[in-house]
Amino acid sequence: MFARTFKKANGRRSAVDDDSDDNDDQIGDIDNLEHTYGDEAATDQSSEDDDEFLETAADKRLRLAKEYISKVQEATTGGGTDDEYDAAQIDRDLIADRLMTDAQERLGRWNRRIASSLARPIEQLTASAAAEGTPSTRYRVLRNGHRLPVTCVAVTPDGRFVYSGSKDGSLVKWERETGRKLATFRGQKKKQPTPINHALGHCDHILAVAVSSDGKYVATGGRDRRIHVWSVGGDEHLGVFHQHKDAVTGLVFRRGINQLYSCSADRMVKLWNIDEMGYMDTLFGHQDGAVAIDALRREQAVTAGGRDRTLRLWKITEDSQLVFRAGAATDQRKLTKMLKEDEKANHQAGEMAADDGSPAAIAIAKAKALRETNPQAKGDAEEHKDLARRLARDETELHEQCVDVVAMIDEETFVTGGDSGALSLWSTHKKKPSFIHHVAHGVHPDTNSSAADLEDADALDTSARTDPVRPRWITALASVPFTDLFFSASSDGFVRMWQMRPGKATGFDLINVIPVAGYVNGLSVCELSPADALSPNREIVLAAAVGQEPRLGRWAKVKARSVVKVFQFSAKLLSKQ
């Protein structure tokens, strides 16, 4: 509503302009004009509507930015202040840190270092709450939940609950802190009369489980070719998807949105909208069954193609895919190169810490010093070096025929593992691995040698073997997104912690080992948000699905119980990259 109205007709101003010109002195300048006619409330509302209508694109961006900063300030400070501190300065620090973290995550790059503080002996990490009288909450074994091997596990974002799936077709919900079994969805028999009651759950092996980032939904996929969705709060069955034509082998929720990605042995990747319980799209490309999938915040996912030995990064918005060729060989030259790179990386980290004192180099040097005081991790690293030297001396060759697991470090970096026992680090900017850590979990013992021969001979002496060297497959991978920490597992009795190298150095190093006997068929990691936003302390929850057999078959068997092992570690955020 304007006091002055301009009308143009045939290039001339109307008589209304003459009247308004005569009243300019009485009303005042238009910039200082006050509306005094009509109802004040209606006038104010009309003014706000006009302002919104006249808002330019730049003004809108500024307004949205201010609203975002206000929300960040409220989230980081809790809406309260303390007169004993400089509240304004604290707010500025909190907001700056949060904005920097959000910007880095949107860029898709890892920028937080927490791995160095986890290089202490595992007994100290799991018993760090002993002074508070609650050491048992740091390590728990969730047992008596499944009759057959546990194949998958998922921890809710708040760390309260743990979900596990098994080859017996059951899904179990656990309370992490107490280890109490809260709910069991036992599934149904394979041969059911039609129509099938889907609300009972799966009728075959459960192979994958995932929890949404808001903690409202849990999805399971199995060999019965179906995906079931359950509510976390009400333990209710919400729906079932049955569009896959073969076993569902992998599930992952996109961070920040209830969009579910699934991969299957039918070589397809499918997208689902869980809020509306609807199918979205199907992606094609793999030449063999896809066996693992992972995703973070962007609308993209990475899949491992099993025996087709490819990794595919699906850019969903662009309707395109990037293909990465795996199948790297382990031979004398590459083993020797790996050993030299490890020595060079350790030497460079020490020089950087001594010369420029960069936070990243100091973190690496600190982790190395802590590892020297950790006999188990130190012994494992030395044993791996000896094994690599002997394999190189004997000119052993190992070839990766299958890529089984994948985990994303950030939006541009991911790590994979397969049947050759090698851990490969990939970048979306290169078609080949940027770094390979060969035989990361060792090799199987010689099955043709007698017990007396194994006792007399060195266990690492590969020249005395009478059968081909068989590396231990990498059976599970998990990472703490946007940090330098990830975990790997196999059937050698240990879950290994790895730390990304600092700066422009490419690769990762072993920092610790966690004893876990049996086949570790799945890993799930959760980073708990600290109560104090200023605190650098972080709590990391790691859950491992343990069984006697591999997740996708029965070609091997070890003596172990079908359980879920849960660890909680206290880490410290040392510095930004």
Protein backbone atom coordinates (compact mmCIF):
# COMPACT_ATOMS: atom_id res chain seq x y z
CA MET A 1 0.00 0.00 0.00
CA PHE A 2 1.67 3.17 -1.13
CA ALA A 3 0.67 6.78 -0.41
CA ARG A 4 2.01 7.92 -3.74
CA THR A 5 0.77 6.18 -6.85
CA PHE A 6 2.31 6.64 -10.27
CA LYS A 7 0.34 5.72 -13.34
CA LYS A 8 1.65 5.91 -16.85
CA ALA A 9 -0.66 6.14 -19.82
CA ASN A 10 0.52 7.01 -23.31
CA GLY A 11 3.85 8.18 -21.89
CA ARG A 12 2.25 10.84 -19.64
CA ARG A 13 1.75 11.01 -15.87
CA SER A 14 -1.87 11.16 -14.71
CA ALA A 15 -3.50 13.80 -12.57
CA VAL A 16 -2.89 11.72 -9.50
CA ASP A 17 0.77 12.84 -9.63
CA ASP A 18 -0.21 16.51 -9.50
CA ASP A 19 -2.32 15.97 -6.40
CA SER A 20 0.43 14.06 -4.65
CA ASP A 21 3.01 16.73 -5.53
CA ASP A 22 0.86 19.38 -3.86
CA ASN A 23 0.72 17.36 -0.66
CA ASP A 24 4.44 16.53 -0.44
CA ASP A 25 5.14 19.27 2.04
CA GLN A 26 2.34 18.11 4.33
CA ILE A 27 3.05 14.38 4.20
CA GLY A 28 6.83 14.53 4.09
CA ASP A 29 9.45 12.60 2.16
CA ILE A 30 8.39 9.19 0.91
CA ASP A 31 11.32 7.49 2.68
CA ASN A 32 10.03 8.77 6.03
CA LEU A 33 6.38 8.17 5.23
CA GLU A 34 4.30 6.60 8.05
CA HIS A 35 1.07 4.80 7.31
CA THR A 36 -1.63 5.99 9.67
CA TYR A 37 -4.74 4.94 7.83
CA GLY A 38 -6.83 1.86 8.55
CA ASP A 39 -6.25 -0.85 11.12
CA GLU A 40 -2.66 -0.83 12.44
CA ALA A 41 -2.40 -4.63 12.64
CA ALA A 42 -3.60 -5.04 9.09
CA THR A 43 -1.26 -2.29 7.96
CA ASP A 44 1.75 -3.92 9.65
CA GLN A 45 0.90 -7.29 8.13
CA SER A 46 0.52 -5.72 4.72
CA SER A 47 3.86 -3.97 5.13
CA GLU A 48 5.56 -7.26 6.02
CA ASP A 49 4.01 -8.94 2.99
CA ASP A 50 5.18 -6.10 0.77
CA ASP A 51 8.70 -6.32 2.21
CA GLU A 52 8.80 -10.05 1.57
CA PHE A 53 7.46 -9.53 -1.94
CA LEU A 54 10.06 -6.86 -2.65
CA GLU A 55 12.92 -8.93 -1.14
CA THR A 56 15.73 -9.44 -3.60
CA ALA A 57 17.72 -12.65 -3.99
CA ALA A 58 20.67 -11.12 -2.10
CA ASP A 59 18.41 -10.02 0.75
CA LYS A 60 16.90 -13.49 0.94
CA ARG A 61 20.33 -15.11 1.18
CA LEU A 62 21.28 -12.69 3.94
CA ARG A 63 18.07 -13.38 5.85
CA LEU A 64 18.48 -17.15 5.57
CA ALA A 65 22.11 -16.88 6.69
CA LYS A 66 21.09 -14.93 9.78
CA GLU A 67 18.41 -17.48 10.57
CA TYR A 68 20.92 -20.32 10.18
CA ILE A 69 23.43 -18.62 12.49
CA SER A 70 20.67 -18.06 15.06
CA LYS A 71 19.79 -21.76 14.96
CA VAL A 72 23.46 -22.73 15.31
CA GLN A 73 23.84 -20.36 18.26
CA GLU A 74 20.79 -21.81 19.96
CA ALA A 75 21.98 -25.39 19.33
CA THR A 76 25.52 -24.82 20.58
CA THR A 77 24.74 -22.67 23.62
CA GLY A 78 21.43 -24.22 24.62
CA GLY A 79 19.90 -20.77 24.81
CA GLY A 80 21.59 -19.95 28.11
CA THR A 81 24.51 -17.83 29.30
CA ASP A 82 26.75 -17.73 32.34
CA ASP A 83 27.72 -14.42 33.92
CA GLU A 84 31.04 -15.86 35.12
CA TYR A 85 32.32 -16.16 31.56
CA ASP A 86 32.53 -13.95 28.52
CA ALA A 87 29.35 -15.29 26.96
CA ALA A 88 29.72 -13.28 23.78
CA GLN A 89 33.23 -14.61 23.12
CA ILE A 90 32.16 -18.18 23.89
CA ASP A 91 29.23 -17.84 21.50
CA ARG A 92 31.52 -16.53 18.77
CA ASP A 93 33.94 -19.44 19.25
CA LEU A 94 31.16 -22.00 19.27
CA ILE A 95 29.46 -20.59 16.21
CA ALA A 96 32.74 -20.27 14.31
CA ASP A 97 33.67 -23.85 15.11
CA ARG A 98 30.24 -25.16 14.13
CA LEU A 99 30.17 -23.19 10.88
CA MET A 100 33.66 -24.43 10.00
CA THR A 101 32.68 -28.03 10.71
CA ASP A 102 29.49 -27.73 8.65
CA ALA A 103 31.40 -26.13 5.78
CA GLN A 104 34.01 -28.88 5.79
CA GLU A 105 31.33 -31.58 5.83
CA ARG A 106 29.53 -29.94 2.93
CA LEU A 107 32.81 -29.91 1.03
CA GLY A 108 33.02 -33.60 1.85
CA ARG A 109 36.51 -33.62 3.38
CA TRP A 110 37.58 -35.17 6.65
CA ASN A 111 38.98 -32.53 8.99
CA ARG A 112 38.99 -33.96 12.53
CA ARG A 113 41.73 -35.95 14.24
CA ILE A 114 40.71 -38.32 17.01
CA ALA A 115 42.66 -41.51 16.23
CA SER A 116 45.88 -40.54 18.01
CA SER A 117 44.22 -40.64 21.43
CA LEU A 118 43.16 -44.27 20.88
CA ALA A 119 46.66 -45.72 20.64
CA ARG A 120 46.71 -46.73 24.31
CA PRO A 121 46.36 -50.41 25.31
CA ILE A 122 42.82 -51.62 24.84
CA GLU A 123 42.53 -52.48 28.54
CA GLN A 124 43.01 -48.82 29.40
CA LEU A 125 40.52 -47.65 26.78
CA THR A 126 37.75 -49.95 27.97
CA ALA A 127 38.48 -49.37 31.68
CA SER A 128 38.75 -45.59 31.56
CA ALA A 129 35.47 -45.26 33.51
CA ALA A 130 36.70 -47.34 36.44
CA ALA A 131 37.15 -44.26 38.60
CA GLU A 132 33.46 -43.50 38.17
CA GLY A 133 32.53 -47.01 39.21
CA THR A 134 31.02 -47.95 35.83
CA PRO A 135 33.71 -49.92 33.96
CA SER A 136 31.21 -52.49 32.72
CA THR A 137 29.49 -49.99 30.42
CA ARG A 138 32.67 -49.63 28.37
CA TYR A 139 32.66 -53.22 27.13
CA ARG A 140 29.72 -55.57 26.81
CA VAL A 141 29.01 -58.93 25.21
CA LEU A 142 25.40 -59.19 24.03
CA ARG A 143 24.68 -62.91 24.03
CA ASN A 144 21.74 -65.34 23.97
CA GLY A 145 20.00 -63.38 21.27
CA HIS A 146 20.62 -65.52 18.17
CA ARG A 147 20.83 -69.26 17.52
CA LEU A 148 22.95 -68.94 14.33
CA PRO A 149 25.90 -66.67 13.38
CA VAL A 150 25.32 -62.92 13.65
CA THR A 151 25.69 -61.35 10.22
CA CYS A 152 25.12 -57.61 10.74
CA VAL A 153 24.88 -54.94 13.42
CA ALA A 154 23.86 -51.27 13.67
CA VAL A 155 24.06 -48.71 16.49
CA THR A 156 21.50 -45.89 16.75
CA PRO A 157 22.95 -42.35 16.40
CA ASP A 158 22.42 -41.58 20.10
CA GLY A 159 24.16 -44.82 21.12
CA ARG A 160 21.19 -46.06 23.19
CA PHE A 161 20.27 -49.13 21.16
CA VAL A 162 22.02 -51.81 19.14
CA TYR A 163 20.31 -53.87 16.45
CA SER A 164 21.67 -57.22 15.28
CA GLY A 165 20.59 -59.61 12.52
CA SER A 166 21.40 -63.27 12.14
CA LYS A 167 21.21 -66.27 9.82
CA ASP A 168 18.30 -67.52 11.91
CA GLY A 169 16.20 -64.70 10.41
CA SER A 170 15.74 -62.82 13.67
CA LEU A 171 16.32 -59.14 14.45
CA VAL A 172 17.17 -58.28 18.07
CA LYS A 173 17.05 -54.87 19.73
CA TRP A 174 19.48 -54.38 22.65
CA GLU A 175 19.95 -51.65 25.22
CA ARG A 176 23.62 -50.82 24.92
CA GLU A 177 24.41 -49.62 28.45
CA THR A 178 22.74 -52.49 30.27
CA GLY A 179 23.08 -55.23 27.65
CA ARG A 180 19.40 -56.06 28.09
CA LYS A 181 17.43 -57.55 25.22
CA LEU A 182 14.49 -55.23 24.60
CA ALA A 183 12.73 -56.81 21.62
CA THR A 184 13.08 -59.79 19.29
CA PHE A 185 11.56 -60.05 15.82
CA ARG A 186 11.93 -63.75 15.20
CA GLY A 187 10.85 -63.84 11.59
CA GLN A 188 8.99 -66.76 10.08
CA LYS A 189 9.58 -70.14 8.52
CA LYS A 190 10.76 -70.36 4.93
CA LYS A 191 7.74 -72.34 3.74
CA GLN A 192 4.71 -70.26 4.61
CA PRO A 193 1.18 -70.54 3.26
CA THR A 194 0.11 -67.70 1.05
CA PRO A 195 -0.49 -64.88 1.67
CA ILE A 196 2.70 -64.31 3.68
CA ASN A 197 2.36 -62.21 6.84
CA HIS A 198 5.17 -59.70 6.23
CA ALA A 199 4.70 -58.14 9.67
CA LEU A 200 6.42 -61.21 11.15
CA GLY A 201 9.69 -60.30 9.44
CA HIS A 202 12.15 -62.23 7.30
CA CYS A 203 11.85 -65.87 6.31
CA ASP A 204 15.57 -66.38 5.59
CA HIS A 205 19.02 -65.06 6.57
CA ILE A 206 19.21 -61.37 7.49
CA LEU A 207 22.28 -59.98 5.73
CA ALA A 208 22.10 -56.22 6.33
CA VAL A 209 20.72 -53.74 8.86
CA ALA A 210 20.80 -49.94 8.92
CA VAL A 211 19.45 -47.18 11.21
CA SER A 212 18.37 -43.75 9.94
CA SER A 213 20.34 -40.69 11.03
CA ASP A 214 17.37 -39.33 12.99
CA GLY A 215 17.08 -42.59 14.92
CA LYS A 216 13.45 -43.22 13.91
CA TYR A 217 13.74 -46.12 11.48
CA VAL A 218 15.65 -49.37 11.20
CA ALA A 219 15.76 -51.30 7.92
CA THR A 220 16.78 -54.92 7.37
CA GLY A 221 17.54 -56.83 4.18
CA GLY A 222 17.89 -60.56 3.72
CA ARG A 223 18.29 -63.56 1.51
CA ASP A 224 14.52 -63.66 1.06
CA ARG A 225 14.93 -60.66 -1.33
CA ARG A 226 12.93 -58.33 0.91
CA ILE A 227 13.60 -55.13 2.82
CA HIS A 228 11.65 -54.65 6.06
CA VAL A 229 11.32 -51.30 7.83
CA TRP A 230 10.66 -51.02 11.57
CA SER A 231 10.15 -48.11 13.96
CA VAL A 232 12.82 -47.66 16.62
CA GLY A 233 10.55 -46.00 19.17
CA GLY A 234 7.51 -48.24 18.90
CA ASP A 235 9.12 -51.50 17.70
CA GLU A 236 6.45 -51.71 15.02
CA HIS A 237 6.63 -53.14 11.52
CA LEU A 238 6.05 -50.25 9.11
CA GLY A 239 6.36 -51.81 5.69
CA VAL A 240 8.17 -54.13 3.32
CA PHE A 241 9.79 -53.67 -0.11
CA HIS A 242 10.06 -56.66 -2.40
CA GLN A 243 11.33 -55.20 -5.70
CA HIS A 244 14.77 -56.88 -5.53
CA LYS A 245 15.10 -60.15 -7.44
CA ASP A 246 17.85 -61.69 -5.32
CA ALA A 247 19.34 -61.46 -1.83
CA VAL A 248 19.63 -57.95 -0.37
CA THR A 249 23.28 -57.72 0.70
CA GLY A 250 23.71 -54.09 1.79
CA LEU A 251 21.71 -51.18 3.24
CA VAL A 252 22.64 -47.64 4.19
CA PHE A 253 20.71 -44.48 5.07
CA ARG A 254 21.79 -41.15 3.67
CA ARG A 255 22.89 -38.85 6.48
CA GLY A 256 20.45 -36.08 7.35
CA ILE A 257 17.55 -37.49 5.33
CA ASN A 258 15.45 -40.65 5.44
CA GLN A 259 16.55 -41.90 2.06
CA LEU A 260 17.58 -45.55 1.94
CA TYR A 261 20.03 -47.13 -0.52
CA SER A 262 20.11 -50.89 -1.04
CA CYS A 263 22.31 -53.22 -3.07
CA SER A 264 21.60 -56.79 -4.01
CA ALA A 265 22.96 -59.95 -5.61
CA ASP A 266 20.68 -59.11 -8.56
CA ARG A 267 23.35 -56.50 -9.53
CA MET A 268 21.01 -53.56 -8.90
CA VAL A 269 21.12 -50.59 -6.54
CA LYS A 270 17.74 -49.21 -5.48
CA LEU A 271 16.64 -46.00 -3.78
CA TRP A 272 13.75 -45.73 -1.32
CA ASN A 273 11.93 -42.87 0.40
CA ILE A 274 11.24 -44.12 3.93
CA ASP A 275 9.16 -41.12 5.01
CA GLU A 276 6.62 -41.97 2.31
CA MET A 277 7.48 -45.69 2.23
CA GLY A 278 7.94 -45.54 -1.52
CA TYR A 279 10.26 -46.74 -4.26
CA MET A 280 12.33 -44.05 -6.01
CA ASP A 281 14.79 -45.38 -8.58
CA THR A 282 16.98 -48.26 -9.75
CA LEU A 283 20.65 -47.99 -10.76
CA PHE A 284 22.30 -50.46 -13.12
CA GLY A 285 25.96 -51.12 -13.90
CA HIS A 286 27.48 -53.99 -11.91
CA GLN A 287 28.34 -57.17 -13.79
CA ASP A 288 28.06 -59.30 -10.65
CA GLY A 289 26.13 -59.09 -7.42
CA ALA A 290 26.85 -55.98 -5.36
CA VAL A 291 27.81 -57.06 -1.83
CA ALA A 292 28.40 -53.81 0.09
CA ILE A 293 27.26 -50.18 0.00
CA ASP A 294 28.02 -46.98 1.91
CA ALA A 295 26.94 -43.33 1.76
CA LEU A 296 27.29 -40.09 3.71
CA ARG A 297 25.62 -36.69 3.31
CA ARG A 298 25.70 -36.11 -0.45
CA GLU A 299 23.20 -37.73 -2.77
CA GLN A 300 25.66 -40.39 -3.84
CA ALA A 301 26.66 -43.90 -2.80
CA VAL A 302 29.61 -46.23 -3.35
CA THR A 303 29.17 -49.96 -3.90
CA ALA A 304 31.50 -52.97 -4.02
CA GLY A 305 30.77 -55.30 -6.91
CA GLY A 306 32.07 -58.57 -5.51
CA ARG A 307 33.52 -60.77 -8.23
CA ASP A 308 33.27 -58.15 -10.97
CA ARG A 309 36.13 -56.43 -9.07
CA THR A 310 34.76 -52.93 -9.54
CA LEU A 311 33.74 -50.13 -7.23
CA ARG A 312 31.10 -47.74 -8.44
CA LEU A 313 30.39 -44.24 -7.16
CA TRP A 314 26.81 -43.44 -8.07
CA LYS A 315 26.14 -39.72 -8.60
CA ILE A 316 22.39 -39.86 -8.32
CA THR A 317 21.53 -36.24 -9.14
CA GLU A 318 23.70 -36.36 -12.25
CA ASP A 319 22.45 -39.83 -13.24
CA SER A 320 26.03 -41.00 -13.73
CA GLN A 321 28.58 -43.32 -12.17
CA LEU A 322 32.34 -43.52 -11.72
CA VAL A 323 33.92 -46.96 -12.13
CA PHE A 324 37.06 -47.91 -10.17
CA ARG A 325 38.92 -51.09 -11.10
CA ALA A 326 40.07 -53.17 -8.14
CA GLY A 327 41.87 -56.51 -8.31
CA ALA A 328 45.30 -55.29 -7.23
CA ALA A 329 48.04 -57.91 -6.98
CA THR A 330 50.29 -58.52 -3.99
CA ASP A 331 53.79 -59.43 -5.14
CA GLN A 332 57.42 -58.98 -4.20
CA ARG A 333 57.73 -55.50 -5.67
CA LYS A 334 54.60 -54.14 -4.02
CA LEU A 335 55.39 -55.66 -0.64
CA THR A 336 58.85 -54.10 -0.71
CA LYS A 337 57.36 -50.77 -1.76
CA MET A 338 54.83 -50.91 1.11
CA LEU A 339 57.58 -51.50 3.67
CA LYS A 340 59.64 -48.60 2.32
CA GLU A 341 56.63 -46.26 2.34
CA ASP A 342 55.87 -47.16 5.96
CA GLU A 343 59.42 -46.35 7.03
CA LYS A 344 59.40 -43.12 5.03
CA ALA A 345 56.05 -42.02 6.51
CA ASN A 346 57.24 -42.62 10.08
CA HIS A 347 60.46 -40.72 9.41
CA GLN A 348 58.64 -37.77 7.79
CA ALA A 349 56.14 -37.54 10.65
CA GLY A 350 58.96 -37.35 13.16
CA GLU A 351 60.75 -34.65 11.16
CA MET A 352 57.56 -32.60 10.78
CA ALA A 353 56.84 -32.74 14.50
CA ALA A 354 60.42 -31.72 15.32
CA ASP A 355 60.75 -28.97 12.71
CA ASP A 356 57.48 -27.12 12.20
CA GLY A 357 55.47 -28.56 15.08
CA SER A 358 52.28 -28.81 13.00
CA PRO A 359 49.31 -30.17 14.96
CA ALA A 360 48.77 -33.03 12.51
CA ALA A 361 52.40 -34.16 12.72
CA ILE A 362 52.41 -33.85 16.50
CA ALA A 363 49.27 -36.03 16.59
CA ILE A 364 51.01 -38.70 14.51
CA ALA A 365 54.13 -38.53 16.68
CA LYS A 366 51.99 -38.82 19.80
CA ALA A 367 50.20 -41.86 18.40
CA LYS A 368 53.53 -43.45 17.56
CA ALA A 369 54.82 -42.85 21.08
CA LEU A 370 51.64 -44.32 22.60
CA ARG A 371 51.88 -47.29 20.27
CA GLU A 372 55.38 -47.98 21.55
CA THR A 373 53.90 -48.38 25.03
CA ASN A 374 51.16 -50.68 23.70
CA PRO A 375 52.77 -54.13 23.50
CA GLN A 376 49.90 -55.73 21.63
CA ALA A 377 49.73 -53.10 18.87
CA LYS A 378 53.51 -52.87 18.63
CA GLY A 379 53.86 -56.64 18.41
CA ASP A 380 51.15 -56.85 15.75
CA ALA A 381 52.87 -54.20 13.63
CA GLU A 382 56.25 -55.93 13.88
CA GLU A 383 54.64 -59.29 13.06
CA HIS A 384 53.06 -57.81 9.95
CA LYS A 385 56.40 -56.40 8.79
CA ASP A 386 58.07 -59.78 9.26
CA LEU A 387 55.29 -61.48 7.31
CA ALA A 388 55.59 -58.97 4.46
CA ARG A 389 59.36 -59.46 4.28
CA ARG A 390 59.03 -63.24 4.12
CA LEU A 391 56.30 -63.12 1.51
CA ALA A 392 58.52 -60.83 -0.57
CA ARG A 393 61.52 -63.11 -0.07
CA ASP A 394 59.52 -66.15 -1.20
CA GLU A 395 58.16 -64.20 -4.20
CA THR A 396 54.58 -64.92 -3.15
CA GLU A 397 51.86 -63.56 -5.40
CA LEU A 398 48.29 -62.88 -4.25
CA HIS A 399 45.52 -61.59 -6.49
CA GLU A 400 42.31 -59.87 -5.45
CA GLN A 401 39.45 -61.77 -7.06
CA CYS A 402 36.60 -60.31 -5.02
CA VAL A 403 35.89 -56.94 -3.37
CA ASP A 404 33.73 -57.58 -0.32
CA VAL A 405 33.49 -54.46 1.85
CA VAL A 406 33.63 -50.68 1.49
CA ALA A 407 33.52 -47.74 3.92
CA MET A 408 33.56 -44.00 3.18
CA ILE A 409 36.03 -41.80 5.07
CA ASP A 410 34.55 -38.67 3.57
CA GLU A 411 32.70 -37.75 0.39
CA GLU A 412 35.83 -38.08 -1.73
CA THR A 413 37.74 -40.88 0.03
CA PHE A 414 36.83 -44.48 0.77
CA VAL A 415 38.56 -47.70 1.76
CA THR A 416 37.87 -51.23 0.53
CA GLY A 417 38.87 -54.80 1.38
CA GLY A 418 38.66 -58.16 -0.34
CA ASP A 419 39.81 -61.75 -0.52
CA SER A 420 43.50 -60.88 -0.96
CA GLY A 421 43.59 -59.40 2.55
CA ALA A 422 44.62 -55.98 1.21
CA LEU A 423 43.12 -52.70 2.42
CA SER A 424 42.93 -50.19 -0.45
CA LEU A 425 42.50 -46.44 -0.08
CA TRP A 426 40.69 -44.71 -2.95
CA SER A 427 40.09 -41.15 -4.03
CA THR A 428 37.31 -40.06 -6.36
CA HIS A 429 39.96 -38.20 -8.39
CA LYS A 430 41.93 -41.34 -9.29
CA LYS A 431 40.90 -44.59 -10.96
CA LYS A 432 43.51 -46.64 -9.09
CA PRO A 433 44.09 -47.03 -5.36
CA SER A 434 46.18 -44.23 -3.89
CA PHE A 435 47.50 -46.58 -1.18
CA ILE A 436 47.40 -50.34 -0.49
CA HIS A 437 48.19 -52.08 2.78
CA HIS A 438 48.83 -55.71 1.85
CA VAL A 439 47.87 -58.77 3.96
CA ALA A 440 46.47 -56.45 6.63
CA HIS A 441 45.09 -59.31 8.75
CA GLY A 442 47.75 -61.93 8.08
CA VAL A 443 47.43 -65.35 6.45
CA HIS A 444 45.79 -68.64 7.36
CA PRO A 445 48.00 -71.29 8.98
CA ASP A 446 49.26 -74.19 6.91
CA THR A 447 46.47 -76.78 7.04
CA ASN A 448 48.63 -79.55 5.54
CA SER A 449 51.31 -79.37 8.21
CA SER A 450 51.07 -81.41 11.37
CA ALA A 451 50.70 -79.87 14.79
CA ALA A 452 54.28 -80.87 15.65
CA ASP A 453 55.61 -79.14 12.55
CA LEU A 454 53.69 -75.98 13.41
CA GLU A 455 55.11 -75.99 16.93
CA ASP A 456 58.68 -76.49 15.74
CA ALA A 457 58.56 -74.11 12.79
CA ASP A 458 58.14 -70.38 12.88
CA ALA A 459 54.47 -69.52 12.28
CA LEU A 460 55.53 -66.77 9.90
CA ASP A 461 58.00 -68.89 7.95
CA THR A 462 56.12 -69.17 4.66
CA SER A 463 58.96 -71.09 3.02
CA ALA A 464 58.10 -74.14 5.15
CA ARG A 465 54.47 -74.21 3.99
CA THR A 466 53.21 -77.18 2.01
CA ASP A 467 50.04 -75.47 0.69
CA PRO A 468 49.52 -72.13 -1.07
CA VAL A 469 49.46 -69.00 1.07
CA ARG A 470 45.86 -68.06 1.84
CA PRO A 471 45.40 -64.51 3.12
CA ARG A 472 42.60 -63.74 5.55
CA TRP A 473 39.70 -61.98 3.84
CA ILE A 474 38.65 -58.55 4.99
CA THR A 475 35.14 -59.25 6.28
CA ALA A 476 34.07 -55.88 7.72
CA LEU A 477 34.93 -52.18 7.54
CA ALA A 478 33.58 -49.14 9.37
CA SER A 479 34.69 -45.53 9.78
CA VAL A 480 33.94 -42.52 11.93
CA PRO A 481 32.86 -40.15 9.13
CA PHE A 482 34.93 -37.05 8.48
CA THR A 483 37.68 -38.14 10.89
CA ASP A 484 41.02 -39.93 10.50
CA LEU A 485 39.78 -43.14 12.16
CA PHE A 486 38.45 -46.37 10.67
CA PHE A 487 38.26 -50.05 11.64
CA SER A 488 38.77 -53.33 9.80
CA ALA A 489 38.07 -56.93 10.77
CA SER A 490 38.59 -60.48 9.58
CA SER A 491 38.72 -63.96 11.16
CA ASP A 492 42.18 -63.62 12.73
CA GLY A 493 40.80 -62.69 16.17
CA PHE A 494 41.36 -58.93 16.04
CA VAL A 495 39.60 -55.75 14.98
CA ARG A 496 42.22 -53.25 13.86
CA MET A 497 42.19 -49.46 14.26
CA TRP A 498 43.76 -47.38 11.49
CA GLN A 499 44.79 -43.74 11.37
CA MET A 500 44.93 -41.62 8.23
CA ARG A 501 48.26 -39.95 7.60
CA PRO A 502 48.49 -36.15 8.00
CA GLY A 503 48.63 -33.40 5.43
CA LYS A 504 49.44 -34.42 1.88
CA ALA A 505 50.81 -37.80 2.93
CA THR A 506 48.72 -40.60 1.43
CA GLY A 507 47.97 -43.73 3.38
CA PHE A 508 47.13 -44.95 6.87
CA ASP A 509 48.87 -46.68 9.77
CA LEU A 510 47.88 -49.22 12.40
CA ILE A 511 47.37 -47.65 15.84
CA ASN A 512 45.67 -50.38 17.89
CA VAL A 513 44.14 -53.87 17.90
CA ILE A 514 41.01 -55.13 19.68
CA PRO A 515 40.75 -58.85 20.49
CA VAL A 516 37.55 -60.31 18.98
CA ALA A 517 37.50 -64.05 18.37
CA GLY A 518 35.50 -65.46 15.44
CA TYR A 519 34.30 -64.19 12.09
CA VAL A 520 33.50 -60.49 12.41
CA ASN A 521 30.72 -60.19 9.82
CA GLY A 522 29.81 -56.60 10.52
CA LEU A 523 31.00 -53.42 12.22
CA SER A 524 29.05 -50.33 13.23
CA VAL A 525 30.53 -47.13 14.67
CA CYS A 526 28.76 -44.26 16.39
CA GLU A 527 30.27 -40.96 17.58
CA LEU A 528 28.32 -39.64 20.57
CA SER A 529 27.80 -35.88 20.76
CA PRO A 530 29.43 -34.33 23.85
CA ALA A 531 27.22 -32.61 26.42
CA ASP A 532 29.63 -29.66 26.50
CA ALA A 533 29.99 -28.17 23.04
CA LEU A 534 33.39 -26.70 23.97
CA SER A 535 34.80 -30.03 25.13
CA PRO A 536 37.26 -31.82 22.81
CA ASN A 537 36.34 -35.17 24.36
CA ARG A 538 34.47 -37.65 22.22
CA GLU A 539 32.90 -41.01 22.93
CA ILE A 540 33.20 -43.66 20.21
CA VAL A 541 30.92 -46.72 20.29
CA LEU A 542 31.98 -49.74 18.25
CA ALA A 543 29.76 -52.81 17.79
CA ALA A 544 30.96 -56.05 16.16
CA ALA A 545 28.75 -58.86 14.84
CA VAL A 546 30.56 -62.13 15.57
CA GLY A 547 29.77 -65.61 14.31
CA GLN A 548 31.27 -68.98 13.46
CA GLU A 549 30.83 -68.57 9.70
CA PRO A 550 31.18 -65.85 7.05
CA ARG A 551 28.17 -63.67 6.35
CA LEU A 552 27.44 -64.88 2.81
CA GLY A 553 28.33 -68.57 3.03
CA ARG A 554 29.61 -71.55 4.98
CA TRP A 555 32.94 -72.25 3.28
CA ALA A 556 34.83 -71.86 6.57
CA LYS A 557 34.14 -72.27 10.25
CA VAL A 558 35.89 -71.28 13.47
CA LYS A 559 35.19 -71.90 17.12
CA ALA A 560 33.31 -68.87 18.39
CA ARG A 561 29.99 -67.87 19.91
CA SER A 562 27.32 -65.97 18.01
CA VAL A 563 27.37 -62.70 19.95
CA VAL A 564 27.55 -58.94 19.56
CA LYS A 565 30.51 -57.23 21.21
CA VAL A 566 30.19 -53.55 22.05
CA PHE A 567 33.09 -51.26 23.00
CA GLN A 568 33.07 -47.65 24.12
CA PHE A 569 36.26 -45.60 23.81
CA SER A 570 37.05 -42.12 25.08
CA ALA A 571 38.78 -40.16 22.33
CA LYS A 572 40.02 -36.60 22.17
CA LEU A 573 39.67 -34.18 19.31
CA LEU A 574 43.27 -33.04 18.90
CA SER A 575 43.19 -30.59 16.03
CA LYS A 576 41.72 -29.66 12.72
CA GLN A 577 43.56 -30.80 9.63
